[in-house]
PDB file of N, CA and C in Angstrom:
ATOM      1  N   MET A   1     291.983  69.735 196.963  1.00  0.00           N
ATOM      2  CA  MET A   1     291.997  69.855 196.018  1.00  0.00           C
ATOM      3  C   MET A   1     292.564  68.338 195.488  1.00  0.00           C
ATOM      4  N   ALA A   2     291.418  68.829 194.105  1.00  0.00           N
ATOM      5  CA  ALA A   2     290.852  67.982 192.719  1.00  0.00           C
ATOM      6  C   ALA A   2     292.953  66.809 192.426  1.00  0.00           C
ATOM      7  N   THR A   3     292.492  65.478 192.365  1.00  0.00           N
ATOM      8  CA  THR A   3     293.346  65.114 191.390  1.00  0.00           C
ATOM      9  C   THR A   3     293.089  64.555 190.098  1.00  0.00           C
ATOM     10  N   ARG A   4     294.104  64.603 189.662  1.00  0.00           N
ATOM     11  CA  ARG A   4     293.376  65.010 188.191  1.00  0.00           C
ATOM     12  C   ARG A   4     294.023  64.114 186.861  1.00  0.00           C
ATOM     13  N   GLN A   5     292.995  63.423 186.700  1.00  0.00           N
ATOM     14  CA  GLN A   5     292.947  62.151 185.687  1.00  0.00           C
ATOM     15  C   GLN A   5     293.563  62.463 185.085  1.00  0.00           C
ATOM     16  N   PRO A   6     294.263  61.022 184.495  1.00  0.00           N
ATOM     17  CA  PRO A   6     295.435  60.588 183.473  1.00  0.00           C
ATOM     18  C   PRO A   6     294.220  61.154 182.339  1.00  0.00           C
ATOM     19  N   PRO A   7     295.135  61.235 180.985  1.00  0.00           N
ATOM     20  CA  PRO A   7     293.746  61.158 180.035  1.00  0.00           C
ATOM     21  C   PRO A   7     293.934  59.398 179.737  1.00  0.00           C
ATOM     22  N   ALA A   8     292.121  59.149 179.426  1.00  0.00           N
ATOM     23  CA  ALA A   8     291.755  57.834 179.056  1.00  0.00           C
ATOM     24  C   ALA A   8     292.025  57.161 177.113  1.00  0.00           C
ATOM     25  N   ILE A   9     292.534  56.270 177.594  1.00  0.00           N
ATOM     26  CA  ILE A   9     292.958  55.565 175.742  1.00  0.00           C
ATOM     27  C   ILE A   9     292.280  54.135 175.113  1.00  0.00           C
ATOM     28  N   ASP A  10     292.263  54.477 174.065  1.00  0.00           N
ATOM     29  CA  ASP A  10     292.507  52.577 173.614  1.00  0.00           C
ATOM     30  C   ASP A  10     292.476  51.777 172.689  1.00  0.00           C
ATOM     31  N   PRO A  11     294.250  52.000 172.960  1.00  0.00           N
ATOM     32  CA  PRO A  11     295.094  51.760 172.296  1.00  0.00           C
ATOM     33  C   PRO A  11     294.842  49.843 171.088  1.00  0.00           C
ATOM     34  N   ASP A  12     293.851  49.033 172.437  1.00  0.00           N
ATOM     35  CA  ASP A  12     293.655  47.786 172.019  1.00  0.00           C
ATOM     36  C   ASP A  12     292.112  48.400 171.304  1.00  0.00           C
ATOM     37  N   ASN A  13     291.513  49.541 170.870  1.00  0.00           N
ATOM     38  CA  ASN A  13     290.044  48.630 171.089  1.00  0.00           C
ATOM     39  C   ASN A  13     289.042  48.246 171.090  1.00  0.00           C
ATOM     40  N   VAL A  14     288.775  47.503 172.523  1.00  0.00           N
ATOM     41  CA  VAL A  14     287.723  46.609 173.209  1.00  0.00           C
ATOM     42  C   VAL A  14     287.233  46.786 172.852  1.00  0.00           C
ATOM     43  N   PRO A  15     286.515  45.497 172.187  1.00  0.00           N
ATOM     44  CA  PRO A  15     285.005  45.926 172.101  1.00  0.00           C
ATOM     45  C   PRO A  15     284.203  45.667 173.276  1.00  0.00           C
ATOM     46  N   GLU A  16     282.546  46.463 173.012  1.00  0.00           N
ATOM     47  CA  GLU A  16     281.381  46.401 173.145  1.00  0.00           C
ATOM     48  C   GLU A  16     280.895  44.935 173.103  1.00  0.00           C
ATOM     49  N   ILE A  17     280.794  44.359 174.764  1.00  0.00           N
ATOM     50  CA  ILE A  17     280.143  42.617 174.433  1.00  0.00           C
ATOM     51  C   ILE A  17     277.995  42.893 175.470  1.00  0.00           C
ATOM     52  N   LEU A  18     277.549  42.912 174.369  1.00  0.00           N
ATOM     53  CA  LEU A  18     276.254  42.509 174.653  1.00  0.00           C
ATOM     54  C   LEU A  18     275.648  41.774 175.630  1.00  0.00           C
ATOM     55  N   CYS A  19     275.401  42.187 176.881  1.00  0.00           N
ATOM     56  CA  CYS A  19     274.684  41.505 178.099  1.00  0.00           C
ATOM     57  C   CYS A  19     273.513  41.380 178.293  1.00  0.00           C
ATOM     58  N   ASP A  20     273.054  40.826 177.735  1.00  0.00           N
ATOM     59  CA  ASP A  20     270.945  41.750 178.000  1.00  0.00           C
ATOM     60  C   ASP A  20     270.181  40.644 179.082  1.00  0.00           C
ATOM     61  N   GLY A  21     271.334  39.809 179.774  1.00  0.00           N
ATOM     62  CA  GLY A  21     270.322  38.984 180.912  1.00  0.00           C
ATOM     63  C   GLY A  21     270.982  39.497 182.917  1.00  0.00           C
ATOM     64  N   MET A  22     270.938  38.223 183.161  1.00  0.00           N
ATOM     65  CA  MET A  22     271.424  38.794 184.992  1.00  0.00           C
ATOM     66  C   MET A  22     272.859  38.693 185.314  1.00  0.00           C
ATOM     67  N   PHE A  23     272.862  39.577 186.097  1.00  0.00           N
ATOM     68  CA  PHE A  23     274.035  40.404 186.662  1.00  0.00           C
ATOM     69  C   PHE A  23     273.572  40.447 188.215  1.00  0.00           C
ATOM     70  N   ASN A  24     275.475  39.623 188.704  1.00  0.00           N
ATOM     71  CA  ASN A  24     275.720  40.141 189.897  1.00  0.00           C
ATOM     72  C   ASN A  24     276.419  41.819 190.586  1.00  0.00           C
ATOM     73  N   VAL A  25     276.531  41.990 192.258  1.00  0.00           N
ATOM     74  CA  VAL A  25     277.939  41.901 192.189  1.00  0.00           C
ATOM     75  C   VAL A  25     277.883  41.560 193.733  1.00  0.00           C
ATOM     76  N   SER A  26     279.484  40.986 193.248  1.00  0.00           N
ATOM     77  CA  SER A  26     280.460  40.350 194.615  1.00  0.00           C
ATOM     78  C   SER A  26     280.999  41.310 195.390  1.00  0.00           C
ATOM     79  N   VAL A  27     281.609  41.479 196.859  1.00  0.00           N
ATOM     80  CA  VAL A  27     282.010  42.089 197.378  1.00  0.00           C
ATOM     81  C   VAL A  27     282.934  41.269 198.133  1.00  0.00           C
ATOM     82  N   LEU A  28     284.118  41.487 198.316  1.00  0.00           N
ATOM     83  CA  LEU A  28     285.320  41.334 199.466  1.00  0.00           C
ATOM     84  C   LEU A  28     286.306  41.826 200.112  1.00  0.00           C
ATOM     85  N   GLY A  29     286.343  42.327 200.744  1.00  0.00           N
ATOM     86  CA  GLY A  29     287.595  43.491 201.135  1.00  0.00           C
ATOM     87  C   GLY A  29     287.491  44.787 200.748  1.00  0.00           C
ATOM     88  N   THR A  30     288.050  44.892 199.713  1.00  0.00           N
ATOM     89  CA  THR A  30     287.421  46.660 198.964  1.00  0.00           C
ATOM     90  C   THR A  30     287.519  46.797 197.376  1.00  0.00           C
ATOM     91  N   LEU A  31     287.019  45.589 197.417  1.00  0.00           N
ATOM     92  CA  LEU A  31     286.476  45.173 195.583  1.00  0.00           C
ATOM     93  C   LEU A  31     285.753  44.561 195.575  1.00  0.00           C
ATOM     94  N   ALA A  32     284.653  44.883 194.792  1.00  0.00           N
ATOM     95  CA  ALA A  32     283.408  44.680 193.456  1.00  0.00           C
ATOM     96  C   ALA A  32     283.812  44.129 192.637  1.00  0.00           C
ATOM     97  N   THR A  33     282.651  42.779 192.774  1.00  0.00           N
ATOM     98  CA  THR A  33     283.398  42.060 190.948  1.00  0.00           C
ATOM     99  C   THR A  33     281.657  42.060 190.578  1.00  0.00           C
ATOM    100  N   LEU A  34     281.823  42.828 189.359  1.00  0.00           N
ATOM    101  CA  LEU A  34     280.067  42.409 188.939  1.00  0.00           C
ATOM    102  C   LEU A  34     280.684  41.601 187.672  1.00  0.00           C
ATOM    103  N   THR A  35     279.407  41.068 187.346  1.00  0.00           N
ATOM    104  CA  THR A  35     279.014  39.852 186.965  1.00  0.00           C
ATOM    105  C   THR A  35     277.500  39.975 186.037  1.00  0.00           C
ATOM    106  N   PHE A  36     278.958  40.216 185.110  1.00  0.00           N
ATOM    107  CA  PHE A  36     277.088  39.967 183.278  1.00  0.00           C
ATOM    108  C   PHE A  36     276.994  38.972 182.688  1.00  0.00           C
ATOM    109  N   THR A  37     276.203  37.972 182.430  1.00  0.00           N
ATOM    110  CA  THR A  37     275.623  37.829 181.884  1.00  0.00           C
ATOM    111  C   THR A  37     274.651  38.130 180.299  1.00  0.00           C
ATOM    112  N   HIS A  38     274.815  36.693 179.383  1.00  0.00           N
ATOM    113  CA  HIS A  38     274.161  36.649 178.358  1.00  0.00           C
ATOM    114  C   HIS A  38     272.942  36.111 177.580  1.00  0.00           C
ATOM    115  N   VAL A  39     272.633  35.796 177.725  1.00  0.00           N
ATOM    116  CA  VAL A  39     270.907  34.653 177.548  1.00  0.00           C
ATOM    117  C   VAL A  39     271.415  34.209 176.066  1.00  0.00           C
ATOM    118  N   ARG A  40     272.197  33.155 175.312  1.00  0.00           N
ATOM    119  CA  ARG A  40     271.952  32.638 174.092  1.00  0.00           C
ATOM    120  C   ARG A  40     271.553  31.082 174.392  1.00  0.00           C
ATOM    121  N   PRO A  41     271.880  30.391 173.479  1.00  0.00           N
ATOM    122  CA  PRO A  41     271.509  28.687 172.725  1.00  0.00           C
ATOM    123  C   PRO A  41     272.236  28.551 173.417  1.00  0.00           C
ATOM    124  N   ASP A  42     272.708  26.552 173.666  1.00  0.00           N
ATOM    125  CA  ASP A  42     274.010  26.087 173.853  1.00  0.00           C
ATOM    126  C   ASP A  42     274.448  26.363 172.682  1.00  0.00           C
ATOM    127  N   ALA A  43     275.569  25.785 172.010  1.00  0.00           N
ATOM    128  CA  ALA A  43     276.716  25.144 170.880  1.00  0.00           C
ATOM    129  C   ALA A  43     276.550  24.087 171.143  1.00  0.00           C
ATOM    130  N   GLU A  44     275.651  22.963 171.669  1.00  0.00           N
ATOM    131  CA  GLU A  44     276.617  21.591 171.924  1.00  0.00           C
ATOM    132  C   GLU A  44     275.414  21.754 171.711  1.00  0.00           C
ATOM    133  N   ALA A  45     274.317  21.708 172.697  1.00  0.00           N
ATOM    134  CA  ALA A  45     272.222  21.237 172.183  1.00  0.00           C
ATOM    135  C   ALA A  45     272.039  21.912 170.360  1.00  0.00           C
ATOM    136  N   ILE A  46     272.475  23.025 169.740  1.00  0.00           N
ATOM    137  CA  ILE A  46     272.077  23.730 168.277  1.00  0.00           C
ATOM    138  C   ILE A  46     273.404  22.421 168.014  1.00  0.00           C
ATOM    139  N   LEU A  47     274.331  22.249 167.457  1.00  0.00           N
ATOM    140  CA  LEU A  47     274.996  21.504 166.499  1.00  0.00           C
ATOM    141  C   LEU A  47     274.724  20.154 166.624  1.00  0.00           C
ATOM    142  N   GLN A  48     274.482  19.333 168.305  1.00  0.00           N
ATOM    143  CA  GLN A  48     274.650  17.884 168.158  1.00  0.00           C
ATOM    144  C   GLN A  48     272.803  17.473 167.895  1.00  0.00           C
ATOM    145  N   ARG A  49     272.526  17.708 169.245  1.00  0.00           N
ATOM    146  CA  ARG A  49     270.962  17.786 168.977  1.00  0.00           C
ATOM    147  C   ARG A  49     269.598  18.427 168.406  1.00  0.00           C
ATOM    148  N   GLY A  50     270.031  19.018 167.719  1.00  0.00           N
ATOM    149  CA  GLY A  50     268.758  20.425 167.050  1.00  0.00           C
ATOM    150  C   GLY A  50     268.004  20.972 167.972  1.00  0.00           C
ATOM    151  N   THR A  51     268.725  20.788 169.251  1.00  0.00           N
ATOM    152  CA  THR A  51     267.552  21.655 170.265  1.00  0.00           C
ATOM    153  C   THR A  51     268.445  23.009 170.086  1.00  0.00           C
ATOM    154  N   MET A  52     267.229  23.595 171.325  1.00  0.00           N
ATOM    155  CA  MET A  52     267.281  25.282 171.230  1.00  0.00           C
ATOM    156  C   MET A  52     267.977  25.062 172.703  1.00  0.00           C
ATOM    157  N   ASP A  53     268.833  24.757 173.655  1.00  0.00           N
ATOM    158  CA  ASP A  53     268.250  24.799 175.357  1.00  0.00           C
ATOM    159  C   ASP A  53     269.294  26.289 175.370  1.00  0.00           C
ATOM    160  N   MET A  54     268.446  27.573 175.837  1.00  0.00           N
ATOM    161  CA  MET A  54     268.835  28.581 176.701  1.00  0.00           C
ATOM    162  C   MET A  54     270.013  28.488 177.580  1.00  0.00           C
ATOM    163  N   ARG A  55     270.328  29.227 177.768  1.00  0.00           N
ATOM    164  CA  ARG A  55     271.778  29.479 179.034  1.00  0.00           C
ATOM    165  C   ARG A  55     271.834  30.993 178.970  1.00  0.00           C
ATOM    166  N   SER A  56     271.816  31.037 181.153  1.00  0.00           N
ATOM    167  CA  SER A  56     272.530  32.041 180.755  1.00  0.00           C
ATOM    168  C   SER A  56     274.026  31.996 180.933  1.00  0.00           C
ATOM    169  N   VAL A  57     274.924  32.832 179.556  1.00  0.00           N
ATOM    170  CA  VAL A  57     276.410  32.972 179.760  1.00  0.00           C
ATOM    171  C   VAL A  57     277.182  33.671 180.538  1.00  0.00           C
ATOM    172  N   VAL A  58     278.233  33.610 180.876  1.00  0.00           N
ATOM    173  CA  VAL A  58     278.951  34.825 181.766  1.00  0.00           C
ATOM    174  C   VAL A  58     279.237  35.115 180.329  1.00  0.00           C
ATOM    175  N   ARG A  59     279.608  36.398 179.929  1.00  0.00           N
ATOM    176  CA  ARG A  59     280.150  37.589 178.970  1.00  0.00           C
ATOM    177  C   ARG A  59     281.052  38.496 179.644  1.00  0.00           C
ATOM    178  N   ALA A  60     281.545  38.797 180.842  1.00  0.00           N
ATOM    179  CA  ALA A  60     281.870  39.634 181.353  1.00  0.00           C
ATOM    180  C   ALA A  60     282.124  39.092 182.829  1.00  0.00           C
ATOM    181  N   ARG A  61     283.078  40.059 183.743  1.00  0.00           N
ATOM    182  CA  ARG A  61     283.358  39.870 184.994  1.00  0.00           C
ATOM    183  C   ARG A  61     284.782  41.065 184.858  1.00  0.00           C
ATOM    184  N   ILE A  62     283.904  42.577 185.598  1.00  0.00           N
ATOM    185  CA  ILE A  62     284.640  43.969 185.766  1.00  0.00           C
ATOM    186  C   ILE A  62     285.081  43.516 187.567  1.00  0.00           C
ATOM    187  N   VAL A  63     286.542  43.938 188.370  1.00  0.00           N
ATOM    188  CA  VAL A  63     286.512  44.218 189.260  1.00  0.00           C
ATOM    189  C   VAL A  63     287.042  45.149 189.496  1.00  0.00           C
ATOM    190  N   ILE A  64     286.319  46.658 190.603  1.00  0.00           N
ATOM    191  CA  ILE A  64     286.448  47.586 190.735  1.00  0.00           C
ATOM    192  C   ILE A  64     287.018  47.712 192.632  1.00  0.00           C
ATOM    193  N   THR A  65     286.893  48.496 192.830  1.00  0.00           N
ATOM    194  CA  THR A  65     287.071  49.475 193.768  1.00  0.00           C
ATOM    195  C   THR A  65     285.647  49.674 194.934  1.00  0.00           C
ATOM    196  N   LEU A  66     285.269  50.014 195.783  1.00  0.00           N
ATOM    197  CA  LEU A  66     284.464  49.544 196.264  1.00  0.00           C
ATOM    198  C   LEU A  66     284.459  51.145 195.790  1.00  0.00           C
ATOM    199  N   LYS A  67     285.438  52.050 196.254  1.00  0.00           N
ATOM    200  CA  LYS A  67     284.510  53.235 195.782  1.00  0.00           C
ATOM    201  C   LYS A  67     284.516  54.223 195.265  1.00  0.00           C
ATOM    202  N   ASN A  68     284.750  52.716 193.701  1.00  0.00           N
ATOM    203  CA  ASN A  68     284.684  53.384 191.791  1.00  0.00           C
ATOM    204  C   ASN A  68     283.033  51.961 192.261  1.00  0.00           C
ATOM    205  N   LEU A  69     282.520  51.830 193.282  1.00  0.00           N
ATOM    206  CA  LEU A  69     281.570  51.131 192.535  1.00  0.00           C
ATOM    207  C   LEU A  69     280.429  51.729 193.084  1.00  0.00           C
ATOM    208  N   VAL A  70     280.762  52.507 194.658  1.00  0.00           N
ATOM    209  CA  VAL A  70     279.931  54.049 194.930  1.00  0.00           C
ATOM    210  C   VAL A  70     279.759  54.827 193.464  1.00  0.00           C
ATOM    211  N   ALA A  71     280.850  55.766 193.268  1.00  0.00           N
ATOM    212  CA  ALA A  71     280.656  56.635 191.996  1.00  0.00           C
ATOM    213  C   ALA A  71     279.984  56.307 190.572  1.00  0.00           C
ATOM    214  N   LEU A  72     279.939  54.467 190.020  1.00  0.00           N
ATOM    215  CA  LEU A  72     279.305  54.246 189.597  1.00  0.00           C
ATOM    216  C   LEU A  72     277.913  54.042 189.931  1.00  0.00           C
ATOM    217  N   ARG A  73     277.252  53.933 190.851  1.00  0.00           N
ATOM    218  CA  ARG A  73     276.030  54.010 191.316  1.00  0.00           C
ATOM    219  C   ARG A  73     275.335  55.206 191.096  1.00  0.00           C
ATOM    220  N   ASP A  74     276.523  56.107 191.453  1.00  0.00           N
ATOM    221  CA  ASP A  74     276.271  57.702 191.932  1.00  0.00           C
ATOM    222  C   ASP A  74     275.537  57.808 189.879  1.00  0.00           C
ATOM    223  N   LEU A  75     277.054  57.495 189.530  1.00  0.00           N
ATOM    224  CA  LEU A  75     276.813  57.795 187.599  1.00  0.00           C
ATOM    225  C   LEU A  75     275.096  57.050 187.426  1.00  0.00           C
ATOM    226  N   LEU A  76     275.079  56.145 187.134  1.00  0.00           N
ATOM    227  CA  LEU A  76     273.810  55.561 187.474  1.00  0.00           C
ATOM    228  C   LEU A  76     272.613  56.343 187.403  1.00  0.00           C
ATOM    229  N   ASN A  77     272.839  56.003 188.743  1.00  0.00           N
ATOM    230  CA  ASN A  77     271.250  57.124 189.282  1.00  0.00           C
ATOM    231  C   ASN A  77     271.413  58.699 188.372  1.00  0.00           C
ATOM    232  N   LYS A  78     272.741  59.490 188.025  1.00  0.00           N
ATOM    233  CA  LYS A  78     271.650  60.684 187.350  1.00  0.00           C
ATOM    234  C   LYS A  78     271.739  60.301 186.045  1.00  0.00           C
ATOM    235  N   VAL A  79     272.092  58.759 185.024  1.00  0.00           N
ATOM    236  CA  VAL A  79     271.355  58.758 183.890  1.00  0.00           C
ATOM    237  C   VAL A  79     269.944  58.794 184.160  1.00  0.00           C
ATOM    238  N   ILE A  80     269.454  58.254 185.190  1.00  0.00           N
ATOM    239  CA  ILE A  80     269.153  57.109 184.677  1.00  0.00           C
ATOM    240  C   ILE A  80     267.697  58.577 185.614  1.00  0.00           C
ATOM    241  N   GLN A  81     267.664  59.567 186.334  1.00  0.00           N
ATOM    242  CA  GLN A  81     266.995  60.255 186.277  1.00  0.00           C
ATOM    243  C   GLN A  81     266.990  61.596 185.583  1.00  0.00           C
ATOM    244  N   THR A  82     267.805  62.046 184.472  1.00  0.00           N
ATOM    245  CA  THR A  82     267.973  62.767 183.469  1.00  0.00           C
ATOM    246  C   THR A  82     268.632  61.762 182.079  1.00  0.00           C
ATOM    247  N   PRO A  83     267.845  60.990 181.155  1.00  0.00           N
ATOM    248  CA  PRO A  83     268.807  60.547 180.513  1.00  0.00           C
ATOM    249  C   PRO A  83     269.020  61.075 179.516  1.00  0.00           C
ATOM    250  N   ASP A  84     268.929  62.174 179.218  1.00  0.00           N
ATOM    251  CA  ASP A  84     270.020  62.496 178.149  1.00  0.00           C
ATOM    252  C   ASP A  84     270.497  63.963 177.824  1.00  0.00           C
ATOM    253  N   VAL A  85     271.158  63.900 179.136  1.00  0.00           N
ATOM    254  CA  VAL A  85     271.759  64.781 179.760  1.00  0.00           C
ATOM    255  C   VAL A  85     273.103  63.370 179.566  1.00  0.00           C
ATOM    256  N   PRO A  86     274.323  64.245 178.942  1.00  0.00           N
ATOM    257  CA  PRO A  86     275.485  63.032 178.300  1.00  0.00           C
ATOM    258  C   PRO A  86     275.964  63.303 180.392  1.00  0.00           C
ATOM    259  N   ALA A  87     276.820  61.198 179.958  1.00  0.00           N
ATOM    260  CA  ALA A  87     277.404  61.384 181.814  1.00  0.00           C
ATOM    261  C   ALA A  87     279.074  61.466 181.488  1.00  0.00           C
ATOM    262  N   PRO A  88     279.352  62.941 182.111  1.00  0.00           N
ATOM    263  CA  PRO A  88     280.209  62.818 182.947  1.00  0.00           C
ATOM    264  C   PRO A  88     281.449  61.392 183.371  1.00  0.00           C
ATOM    265  N   PRO A  89     282.702  62.013 183.096  1.00  0.00           N
ATOM    266  CA  PRO A  89     283.280  60.402 184.153  1.00  0.00           C
ATOM    267  C   PRO A  89     283.138  60.314 185.145  1.00  0.00           C
ATOM    268  N   ALA A  90     283.660  59.356 185.353  1.00  0.00           N
ATOM    269  CA  ALA A  90     283.283  59.112 186.801  1.00  0.00           C
ATOM    270  C   ALA A  90     284.127  58.024 187.478  1.00  0.00           C
ATOM    271  N   GLY A  91     284.572  58.443 189.641  1.00  0.00           N
ATOM    272  CA  GLY A  91     284.913  57.416 189.491  1.00  0.00           C
ATOM    273  C   GLY A  91     287.134  58.151 189.179  1.00  0.00           C
ATOM    274  N   GLY A  92     287.922  57.113 189.398  1.00  0.00           N
ATOM    275  CA  GLY A  92     289.246  57.058 189.371  1.00  0.00           C
ATOM    276  C   GLY A  92     289.816  56.110 189.996  1.00  0.00           C
ATOM    277  N   ALA A  93     291.376  56.123 189.620  1.00  0.00           N
ATOM    278  CA  ALA A  93     291.619  55.383 189.778  1.00  0.00           C
ATOM    279  C   ALA A  93     292.657  56.032 190.921  1.00  0.00           C
ATOM    280  N   SER A  94     292.682  54.348 191.831  1.00  0.00           N
ATOM    281  CA  SER A  94     292.722  54.019 193.427  1.00  0.00           C
ATOM    282  C   SER A  94     294.816  54.328 192.941  1.00  0.00           C
ATOM    283  N   LYS A  95     295.430  55.208 194.135  1.00  0.00           N
ATOM    284  CA  LYS A  95     296.674  56.227 194.798  1.00  0.00           C
ATOM    285  C   LYS A  95     297.931  53.836 195.558  1.00  0.00           C
ATOM    286  N   HIS A  96     298.628  53.402 195.356  1.00  0.00           N
ATOM    287  CA  HIS A  96     298.985  52.670 194.927  1.00  0.00           C
ATOM    288  C   HIS A  96     300.276  52.991 196.762  1.00  0.00           C
TER     289      HIS A  96
END
C-alpha cells in the first residue's frame, strides 16, 4: 500500500537561489549532504582593492536521506531523458 504524502506548502515563500558553480555530495551514515556553490567576485577585493577575485561561494547545503538521494537521482534521469515532460514529485518523508 502506498503511503499518502501530506500536501506541499510554502508558507515562508522560500526564495530560489542561483547555484551555477561546483557542487558536491557527501554521505555520512543514512544522510547525504548536497552542497551547491555559485561563482562571484569577492566583495572585499572589489570594495577595497578594486580587483575582481572570483570565488566559489557556498550558497546552499541540503541534507536528505539516502532513500531520497536515490529518488532524486531517478527523477533527474527522467528529466534529462525527457526534458519536455513535467517532472512528478519524488521521494518523501521518512517515518520516525
